[in-house]
Amino acid sequence: MRIAQFVLLLFYSTGLVGLGYSQDPSFYLQFMPLTLLLTAALLLGFDKHSPTPMFGWFALTAMLVGYGVEVAGVQTGVIFGRYEYGTTLGPKFLGTPIIIGLNWLILTYVAGGLAQRLPLPGFARAVLAAVLMVGLDVCIEPVAVHFGWWKWFADVIPMQNFKAWFAVSLILQVYYNTSRIAGGRNPLVPFVYMLQLLFFFALGLLIS
């Protein structure tokens, strides 16, 4: 557990310093897909139930729904607003980085796991988890735009983006609850959420 936390802290802190202070952040930007893969591998490695078919269906569904919504968003501009992805997040298909599906899985799993730690009824837990996902997206957006992960056509992050994020997140969280995923028992969940939140919040302050 401590080794996993140290490895993640090393990656994120190195990225924070490199992106926040380097004159040429392109060297650090190329490691973003690797950081997502590492985060997912360590996070899910601490889930004792992850080898089950139920977990497999949940993971596949979260990735496909997240990726499909992003594709529809990019192609139509109707869901989140008009935006397009840059090249930093790796190979794209239909204008959307393939790794985006994994990002939706990570955020859904972590936010859902945090909400599970509170004595709330199912739907209230899903709403709270969706709010946690949107809260993280609020911190991610200015950083992503600054470093060209994606860009908004009007150079303004629309409120529509956050409303759509909440709606999609809520759907995924309801599915998370019905799938009986026990992310709340994963000891790495709070650490990963706080690490990502602090990373994007601090980086946002450094580039502002």
Protein backbone atom coordinates (compact mmCIF):
# COMPACT_ATOMS: atom_id res chain seq x y z
CA MET A 1 0.00 0.00 0.00
CA ARG A 2 2.70 2.49 0.99
CA ILE A 3 4.75 1.55 -2.08
CA ALA A 4 1.76 2.19 -4.35
CA GLN A 5 1.13 5.55 -2.69
CA PHE A 6 4.81 6.48 -3.04
CA VAL A 7 4.88 5.56 -6.75
CA LEU A 8 1.74 7.59 -7.48
CA LEU A 9 2.96 10.53 -5.41
CA LEU A 10 6.27 10.43 -7.28
CA PHE A 11 4.59 10.52 -10.69
CA TYR A 12 2.09 13.25 -9.84
CA SER A 13 4.56 15.46 -7.96
CA THR A 14 7.09 15.16 -10.79
CA GLY A 15 4.36 16.11 -13.25
CA LEU A 16 3.29 19.03 -11.09
CA VAL A 17 6.80 20.45 -10.87
CA GLY A 18 7.58 19.75 -14.52
CA LEU A 19 4.37 21.19 -15.94
CA GLY A 20 4.23 24.05 -13.49
CA TYR A 21 7.80 25.31 -13.79
CA SER A 22 9.38 23.90 -16.96
CA GLN A 23 9.96 26.18 -19.94
CA ASP A 24 9.19 23.21 -22.20
CA PRO A 25 6.42 21.09 -20.65
CA SER A 26 6.16 18.83 -23.72
CA PHE A 27 8.56 16.31 -22.13
CA TYR A 28 6.23 15.87 -19.15
CA LEU A 29 3.02 15.95 -21.20
CA GLN A 30 4.01 12.80 -23.08
CA PHE A 31 3.77 10.83 -19.84
CA MET A 32 0.11 11.68 -19.17
CA PRO A 33 -1.30 8.50 -20.79
CA LEU A 34 1.25 6.42 -18.86
CA THR A 35 0.24 8.13 -15.61
CA LEU A 36 -3.42 7.26 -16.26
CA LEU A 37 -2.52 3.63 -16.98
CA LEU A 38 -0.39 3.42 -13.85
CA THR A 39 -3.13 4.99 -11.73
CA ALA A 40 -5.71 2.52 -13.03
CA ALA A 41 -3.42 -0.50 -12.59
CA LEU A 42 -2.50 0.33 -8.99
CA LEU A 43 -6.02 1.42 -8.07
CA LEU A 44 -7.77 -1.66 -9.42
CA GLY A 45 -4.98 -3.87 -8.12
CA PHE A 46 -6.17 -3.05 -4.60
CA ASP A 47 -9.78 -4.00 -5.37
CA LYS A 48 -10.24 -7.53 -4.03
CA HIS A 49 -13.31 -8.09 -6.20
CA SER A 50 -11.91 -6.82 -9.52
CA PRO A 51 -11.40 -10.28 -11.11
CA THR A 52 -15.15 -11.07 -10.96
CA PRO A 53 -17.37 -11.00 -14.09
CA MET A 54 -19.56 -8.33 -12.45
CA PHE A 55 -16.58 -6.03 -12.07
CA GLY A 56 -15.48 -6.75 -15.61
CA TRP A 57 -18.87 -5.74 -17.00
CA PHE A 58 -18.85 -2.58 -14.88
CA ALA A 59 -15.37 -1.59 -16.05
CA LEU A 60 -16.18 -2.28 -19.70
CA THR A 61 -19.48 -0.41 -19.50
CA ALA A 62 -17.96 2.63 -17.77
CA MET A 63 -15.20 2.87 -20.38
CA LEU A 64 -17.52 2.38 -23.35
CA VAL A 65 -20.16 4.80 -22.09
CA GLY A 66 -17.57 7.43 -21.20
CA TYR A 67 -15.78 7.03 -24.52
CA GLY A 68 -19.01 6.92 -26.51
CA VAL A 69 -20.31 10.11 -24.92
CA GLU A 70 -17.03 11.88 -25.64
CA VAL A 71 -17.13 10.76 -29.28
CA ALA A 72 -20.69 12.02 -29.60
CA GLY A 73 -19.68 15.24 -27.85
CA VAL A 74 -16.76 15.88 -30.19
CA GLN A 75 -18.65 14.96 -33.34
CA THR A 76 -21.84 16.92 -32.63
CA GLY A 77 -20.99 19.64 -30.09
CA VAL A 78 -24.41 19.02 -28.57
CA ILE A 79 -23.57 17.25 -25.30
CA PHE A 80 -20.73 19.20 -23.68
CA GLY A 81 -20.43 22.11 -26.09
CA ARG A 82 -18.14 22.49 -29.10
CA TYR A 83 -14.63 21.24 -28.38
CA GLU A 84 -11.88 19.11 -29.88
CA TYR A 85 -9.00 17.06 -28.52
CA GLY A 86 -5.32 17.76 -29.08
CA THR A 87 -2.60 15.14 -29.50
CA THR A 88 -1.26 14.96 -25.94
CA LEU A 89 -3.52 12.15 -24.72
CA GLY A 90 -2.35 9.65 -27.29
CA PRO A 91 -3.94 7.92 -30.30
CA LYS A 92 -7.43 9.03 -31.28
CA PHE A 93 -10.36 7.29 -32.91
CA LEU A 94 -13.27 9.36 -34.21
CA GLY A 95 -11.52 12.46 -32.88
CA THR A 96 -11.34 11.15 -29.30
CA PRO A 97 -8.29 9.76 -27.45
CA ILE A 98 -8.81 6.06 -26.79
CA ILE A 99 -7.53 6.45 -23.22
CA ILE A 100 -10.44 8.76 -22.32
CA GLY A 101 -12.58 5.70 -21.62
CA LEU A 102 -10.08 4.61 -18.96
CA ASN A 103 -10.24 8.07 -17.40
CA TRP A 104 -14.02 7.79 -17.05
CA LEU A 105 -13.59 4.40 -15.39
CA ILE A 106 -11.05 5.76 -12.89
CA LEU A 107 -13.18 8.76 -11.94
CA THR A 108 -16.39 6.72 -11.69
CA TYR A 109 -14.73 4.08 -9.53
CA VAL A 110 -12.96 6.52 -7.21
CA ALA A 111 -15.89 8.89 -6.72
CA GLY A 112 -18.26 5.98 -6.20
CA GLY A 113 -15.88 4.41 -3.71
CA LEU A 114 -15.67 7.62 -1.70
CA ALA A 115 -19.45 7.98 -1.61
CA GLN A 116 -19.79 4.39 -0.43
CA ARG A 117 -17.95 5.29 2.75
CA LEU A 118 -20.89 7.42 3.89
CA PRO A 119 -24.15 6.01 5.33
CA LEU A 120 -26.37 7.26 2.49
CA PRO A 121 -29.23 5.66 0.53
CA GLY A 122 -28.38 4.46 -2.94
CA PHE A 123 -29.55 7.39 -5.07
CA ALA A 124 -28.18 10.02 -2.66
CA ARG A 125 -24.84 8.22 -2.82
CA ALA A 126 -24.95 8.32 -6.62
CA VAL A 127 -25.70 12.06 -6.57
CA LEU A 128 -22.82 12.74 -4.18
CA ALA A 129 -20.42 10.70 -6.31
CA ALA A 130 -21.54 12.59 -9.43
CA VAL A 131 -20.89 15.88 -7.62
CA LEU A 132 -17.40 14.64 -6.70
CA MET A 133 -16.72 13.83 -10.36
CA VAL A 134 -17.88 17.27 -11.50
CA GLY A 135 -15.79 18.90 -8.77
CA LEU A 136 -12.71 17.20 -10.12
CA ASP A 137 -13.60 18.20 -13.68
CA VAL A 138 -13.84 21.83 -12.56
CA CYS A 139 -10.18 21.63 -11.52
CA ILE A 140 -9.14 19.67 -14.64
CA GLU A 141 -10.68 21.97 -17.26
CA PRO A 142 -8.39 25.03 -17.03
CA VAL A 143 -5.31 22.81 -16.90
CA ALA A 144 -6.44 20.75 -19.88
CA VAL A 145 -7.15 23.83 -21.97
CA HIS A 146 -3.83 25.45 -21.04
CA PHE A 147 -1.80 22.42 -22.10
CA GLY A 148 -3.84 21.62 -25.20
CA TRP A 149 -5.38 18.36 -24.07
CA TRP A 150 -8.55 19.75 -25.60
CA LYS A 151 -9.83 23.17 -26.60
CA TRP A 152 -13.21 24.88 -26.63
CA PHE A 153 -14.17 26.59 -29.88
CA ALA A 154 -15.24 29.80 -28.12
CA ASP A 155 -12.22 29.70 -25.76
CA VAL A 156 -14.71 29.61 -22.89
CA ILE A 157 -15.58 26.52 -20.83
CA PRO A 158 -19.39 26.40 -21.13
CA MET A 159 -21.66 25.66 -18.18
CA GLN A 160 -23.24 23.06 -20.45
CA ASN A 161 -20.08 20.99 -20.04
CA PHE A 162 -20.52 20.66 -16.28
CA LYS A 163 -24.25 19.95 -16.55
CA ALA A 164 -23.57 17.17 -19.04
CA TRP A 165 -20.73 15.84 -16.87
CA PHE A 166 -23.12 15.62 -13.94
CA ALA A 167 -25.79 13.84 -15.99
CA VAL A 168 -23.40 11.25 -17.43
CA SER A 169 -21.67 10.81 -14.07
CA LEU A 170 -25.00 10.24 -12.33
CA ILE A 171 -25.97 7.55 -14.83
CA LEU A 172 -22.64 5.79 -14.33
CA GLN A 173 -22.92 6.08 -10.55
CA VAL A 174 -26.39 4.55 -10.51
CA TYR A 175 -24.96 1.68 -12.54
CA TYR A 176 -22.00 1.52 -10.15
CA ASN A 177 -24.38 1.00 -7.23
CA THR A 178 -26.50 -1.61 -8.97
CA SER A 179 -23.34 -3.52 -9.93
CA ARG A 180 -22.46 -3.85 -6.25
CA ILE A 181 -18.88 -2.70 -6.81
CA ALA A 182 -17.12 -2.44 -3.45
CA GLY A 183 -14.80 0.47 -4.22
CA GLY A 184 -15.44 1.83 -0.74
CA ARG A 185 -13.33 -1.01 0.63
CA ASN A 186 -10.37 -0.13 -1.57
CA PRO A 187 -7.79 1.61 0.68
CA LEU A 188 -6.26 3.45 -2.27
CA VAL A 189 -9.49 5.22 -3.33
CA PRO A 190 -9.31 8.29 -1.01
CA PHE A 191 -5.62 8.75 -1.78
CA VAL A 192 -6.11 8.70 -5.56
CA TYR A 193 -9.03 11.13 -5.48
CA MET A 194 -7.23 13.62 -3.22
CA LEU A 195 -4.00 13.25 -5.18
CA GLN A 196 -5.72 14.08 -8.47
CA LEU A 197 -7.74 16.90 -6.92
CA LEU A 198 -4.65 18.52 -5.37
CA PHE A 199 -2.59 17.96 -8.53
CA PHE A 200 -5.04 19.77 -10.82
CA PHE A 201 -5.93 22.45 -8.28
CA ALA A 202 -2.27 23.27 -7.58
CA LEU A 203 -1.32 23.15 -11.26
CA GLY A 204 -4.23 25.43 -12.05
CA LEU A 205 -2.86 27.97 -9.58
CA LEU A 206 0.66 27.72 -11.01
CA ILE A 207 -0.42 28.39 -14.61
CA SER A 208 -2.95 31.12 -13.82
